[in-house]
N, C-alpha and C. Protein backbone atom coordinates (compact mmCIF):
# COMPACT_ATOMS: atom_id res chain seq x y z
N UNK A 1 -71.53 36.65 -10.60
CA UNK A 1 -70.79 37.24 -10.23
C UNK A 1 -70.06 36.70 -9.36
N UNK A 2 -68.09 36.28 -8.44
CA UNK A 2 -68.06 35.44 -7.36
C UNK A 2 -67.72 36.57 -6.39
N UNK A 3 -67.81 36.94 -5.62
CA UNK A 3 -68.26 37.76 -4.40
C UNK A 3 -66.71 37.76 -3.35
N UNK A 4 -66.06 37.91 -3.14
CA UNK A 4 -65.63 37.57 -2.04
C UNK A 4 -65.55 37.37 -0.38
N UNK A 5 -65.45 36.31 -0.16
CA UNK A 5 -66.58 36.15 1.30
C UNK A 5 -65.96 37.62 2.94
N UNK A 6 -67.27 37.21 2.33
CA UNK A 6 -66.48 38.38 4.25
C UNK A 6 -65.81 37.74 5.61
N UNK A 7 -66.16 36.49 5.56
CA UNK A 7 -64.80 35.72 6.32
C UNK A 7 -63.58 35.10 6.03
N UNK A 8 -62.82 35.25 6.24
CA UNK A 8 -61.33 35.13 5.75
C UNK A 8 -61.68 33.98 5.10
N UNK A 9 -61.48 32.79 4.05
CA UNK A 9 -61.34 31.36 4.13
C UNK A 9 -60.08 30.74 5.21
N UNK A 10 -59.00 31.75 5.07
CA UNK A 10 -57.90 31.23 5.50
C UNK A 10 -57.68 31.86 6.75
N UNK A 11 -57.87 31.52 8.06
CA UNK A 11 -57.94 32.39 9.18
C UNK A 11 -56.47 32.74 9.14
N UNK A 12 -56.27 34.13 9.71
CA UNK A 12 -54.52 34.05 9.86
C UNK A 12 -54.04 34.57 8.56
N UNK A 13 -54.31 33.90 7.97
CA UNK A 13 -53.58 34.15 6.47
C UNK A 13 -52.23 33.40 6.38
N UNK A 14 -52.66 32.23 6.86
CA UNK A 14 -51.39 31.29 6.23
C UNK A 14 -51.53 29.92 6.81
N UNK A 15 -50.91 28.68 6.70
CA UNK A 15 -51.12 28.27 6.88
C UNK A 15 -50.50 27.34 7.76
N UNK A 16 -49.63 28.13 8.04
CA UNK A 16 -48.18 27.71 9.04
C UNK A 16 -48.97 27.78 10.03
N UNK A 17 -48.40 25.84 10.78
CA UNK A 17 -48.90 25.33 12.21
C UNK A 17 -47.87 25.45 13.03
N UNK A 18 -48.00 24.92 13.85
CA UNK A 18 -46.96 24.70 15.16
C UNK A 18 -46.45 23.04 15.19
N UNK A 19 -47.73 22.23 14.95
CA UNK A 19 -48.19 21.23 14.54
C UNK A 19 -48.44 20.41 14.09
N UNK A 20 -48.47 19.36 13.97
CA UNK A 20 -49.65 18.37 12.83
C UNK A 20 -50.80 18.40 13.62
N UNK A 21 -50.82 18.20 14.83
CA UNK A 21 -52.34 18.50 15.00
C UNK A 21 -53.14 20.04 14.98
N UNK A 22 -52.72 20.93 14.79
CA UNK A 22 -53.23 22.28 15.13
C UNK A 22 -53.38 21.95 13.18
N UNK A 23 -52.37 22.03 12.94
CA UNK A 23 -52.60 21.52 11.03
C UNK A 23 -53.84 21.13 10.94
N UNK A 24 -54.35 19.71 11.41
CA UNK A 24 -55.18 18.86 10.95
C UNK A 24 -56.66 20.09 11.58
N UNK A 25 -56.43 20.61 12.41
CA UNK A 25 -57.75 21.18 13.23
C UNK A 25 -58.27 22.42 12.02
N UNK A 26 -56.66 23.24 11.46
CA UNK A 26 -57.11 24.55 10.42
C UNK A 26 -57.64 23.88 8.91
N UNK A 27 -57.14 22.67 8.89
CA UNK A 27 -57.60 21.42 7.50
C UNK A 27 -59.47 21.08 7.54
N UNK A 28 -59.63 20.84 8.87
CA UNK A 28 -61.15 21.02 8.80
C UNK A 28 -61.87 22.97 9.37
N UNK A 29 -61.28 23.41 9.61
CA UNK A 29 -61.42 25.09 9.47
C UNK A 29 -61.67 25.09 7.95
N UNK A 30 -60.85 25.15 7.34
CA UNK A 30 -60.44 25.23 5.51
C UNK A 30 -61.80 24.73 5.27
N UNK A 31 -62.10 23.52 5.22
CA UNK A 31 -63.19 23.14 4.72
C UNK A 31 -64.11 23.49 5.13
N UNK A 32 -65.46 23.66 6.60
CA UNK A 32 -65.90 24.11 6.96
C UNK A 32 -66.19 25.59 6.00
N UNK A 33 -65.14 26.13 6.03
CA UNK A 33 -65.35 28.07 5.58
C UNK A 33 -65.68 28.07 3.98
N UNK A 34 -65.04 26.49 3.26
CA UNK A 34 -65.16 26.20 1.47
C UNK A 34 -66.56 26.86 1.34
N UNK A 35 -67.37 25.44 2.65
CA UNK A 35 -68.71 24.76 2.35
C UNK A 35 -69.48 25.77 2.76
N UNK A 36 -69.11 27.40 3.80
CA UNK A 36 -69.72 28.60 4.27
C UNK A 36 -69.62 28.92 2.80
N UNK A 37 -68.68 29.90 1.89
CA UNK A 37 -68.31 30.45 1.04
C UNK A 37 -69.09 29.66 0.10
N UNK A 38 -69.26 28.39 -0.08
CA UNK A 38 -69.82 27.35 -1.77
C UNK A 38 -71.68 28.24 -1.46
N UNK A 39 -72.16 27.52 -0.08
CA UNK A 39 -73.30 27.82 -0.16
C UNK A 39 -73.50 29.05 1.00
N UNK A 40 -74.09 30.33 0.77
CA UNK A 40 -73.68 31.00 2.13
C UNK A 40 -75.12 31.41 2.73
N UNK A 41 -75.95 30.53 2.38
CA UNK A 41 -77.54 30.66 2.95
C UNK A 41 -77.67 29.88 3.96
N UNK A 42 -77.90 30.06 5.07
CA UNK A 42 -78.10 29.52 6.32
C UNK A 42 -78.77 28.33 6.80
N UNK A 43 -79.81 29.20 5.97
CA UNK A 43 -80.89 28.05 5.87
C UNK A 43 -80.38 26.71 5.00
N UNK A 44 -81.00 27.20 3.50
CA UNK A 44 -80.65 26.16 2.89
C UNK A 44 -79.30 24.62 3.62
N UNK A 45 -78.38 26.02 4.49
CA UNK A 45 -77.02 24.85 4.77
C UNK A 45 -77.96 23.92 5.49
N UNK A 46 -77.71 24.04 6.51
CA UNK A 46 -78.76 23.27 7.89
C UNK A 46 -80.04 22.68 7.08
N UNK A 47 -80.91 22.96 5.97
CA UNK A 47 -81.76 22.11 5.60
C UNK A 47 -81.34 20.96 4.91
N UNK A 48 -80.27 21.45 4.16
CA UNK A 48 -79.38 20.35 3.27
C UNK A 48 -78.68 18.82 4.32
N UNK A 49 -78.58 19.21 5.90
CA UNK A 49 -77.89 18.26 6.40
C UNK A 49 -78.53 17.34 6.89
N UNK A 50 -80.12 16.99 6.50
CA UNK A 50 -80.76 16.28 7.12
C UNK A 50 -80.75 14.76 5.70
N UNK A 51 -80.17 15.07 4.93
CA UNK A 51 -79.68 14.63 3.66
C UNK A 51 -78.61 14.05 3.31
N UNK A 52 -77.41 14.69 4.16
CA UNK A 52 -76.30 13.90 4.01
C UNK A 52 -75.62 13.47 5.00
N UNK A 53 -76.68 13.92 6.12
CA UNK A 53 -75.82 13.18 8.23
C UNK A 53 -75.67 12.02 7.49
N UNK A 54 -76.58 11.52 7.25
CA UNK A 54 -76.65 9.67 7.33
C UNK A 54 -76.13 8.74 6.37
N UNK A 55 -75.92 9.45 5.30
CA UNK A 55 -75.01 9.28 3.86
C UNK A 55 -73.72 8.68 3.40
N UNK A 56 -72.84 7.50 4.51
CA UNK A 56 -71.30 7.24 3.94
C UNK A 56 -70.71 8.10 3.06
N UNK A 57 -72.21 7.92 1.63
CA UNK A 57 -71.00 8.38 0.23
C UNK A 57 -70.68 10.30 0.77
N UNK A 58 -72.37 10.57 1.26
CA UNK A 58 -71.34 12.38 1.79
C UNK A 58 -70.44 12.83 2.55
N UNK A 59 -70.28 11.21 4.17
CA UNK A 59 -69.70 11.76 5.14
C UNK A 59 -68.26 11.13 4.55
N UNK A 60 -68.05 10.22 3.31
CA UNK A 60 -66.43 9.74 2.93
C UNK A 60 -66.20 11.01 1.88
N UNK A 61 -66.62 11.66 1.24
CA UNK A 61 -66.88 12.71 0.41
C UNK A 61 -66.24 14.00 1.34
N UNK A 62 -66.73 14.59 2.49
CA UNK A 62 -66.71 15.34 3.30
C UNK A 62 -64.94 15.02 3.60
N UNK A 63 -64.87 13.93 4.61
CA UNK A 63 -63.75 13.37 4.81
C UNK A 63 -61.88 13.42 3.79
N UNK A 64 -62.90 13.29 2.33
CA UNK A 64 -61.64 13.19 1.62
C UNK A 64 -61.12 15.35 1.29
N UNK A 65 -62.15 16.24 0.93
CA UNK A 65 -61.76 16.65 1.69
C UNK A 65 -60.82 17.81 2.44
N UNK A 66 -61.79 17.16 3.49
CA UNK A 66 -60.34 17.66 4.75
C UNK A 66 -59.07 16.97 4.91
N UNK A 67 -58.93 15.50 4.15
CA UNK A 67 -57.65 15.65 3.82
C UNK A 67 -56.66 16.09 2.72
N UNK A 68 -57.36 16.52 1.61
CA UNK A 68 -57.10 17.43 1.14
C UNK A 68 -56.38 18.50 1.16
N UNK A 69 -57.42 19.59 2.02
CA UNK A 69 -56.76 20.36 2.61
C UNK A 69 -55.87 20.35 3.69
N UNK A 70 -55.42 18.93 4.59
CA UNK A 70 -54.30 18.63 5.72
C UNK A 70 -52.69 18.62 4.75
N UNK A 71 -53.53 17.83 3.42
CA UNK A 71 -52.03 17.40 2.74
C UNK A 71 -51.36 18.50 2.38
N UNK A 72 -52.08 19.59 2.11
CA UNK A 72 -51.84 20.89 1.53
C UNK A 72 -50.96 21.68 2.33
N UNK A 73 -51.54 21.69 3.36
CA UNK A 73 -50.90 23.06 5.05
C UNK A 73 -49.96 21.78 5.14
N UNK A 74 -49.73 20.57 5.64
CA UNK A 74 -48.63 19.55 5.73
C UNK A 74 -47.15 19.50 4.73
N UNK A 75 -47.92 19.82 3.19
CA UNK A 75 -46.57 20.57 2.52
C UNK A 75 -46.35 21.85 2.69
N UNK A 76 -47.21 22.75 3.01
CA UNK A 76 -47.08 24.19 3.47
C UNK A 76 -46.26 24.71 4.80
N UNK A 77 -46.21 23.33 5.33
CA UNK A 77 -45.33 23.52 6.78
C UNK A 77 -44.12 22.49 6.87
N UNK A 78 -43.48 21.90 5.27
CA UNK A 78 -42.59 21.48 5.14
C UNK A 78 -42.53 20.13 6.03
N UNK A 79 -43.96 19.57 6.22
CA UNK A 79 -43.78 17.71 7.03
C UNK A 79 -44.00 18.49 8.20
N UNK A 80 -43.82 20.03 8.91
CA UNK A 80 -43.42 19.65 10.31
C UNK A 80 -41.75 19.36 11.06
N UNK A 81 -41.08 19.30 9.87
CA UNK A 81 -39.85 19.38 9.70
C UNK A 81 -39.10 18.77 10.68
N UNK A 82 -39.01 17.35 10.55
CA UNK A 82 -38.71 15.80 11.41
C UNK A 82 -38.11 16.64 12.71
């Protein structure tokens, strides 16, 4: 059964941010929250870091997740309306 995470996955329940910089920070936060929601056992999560921390493929995959989150936030903010 899927459980609702105890910590909100979207801080403040909104993707709207005043600036692109804050949108980028939110994208990183959302990616981190997603990882913690998927692997909520902190010990397992920390033990896995040594395996992927120096793996270029893992780091590229992480960057991709953040980029997708940022694209979603940018669209929600109508690309910060010029």
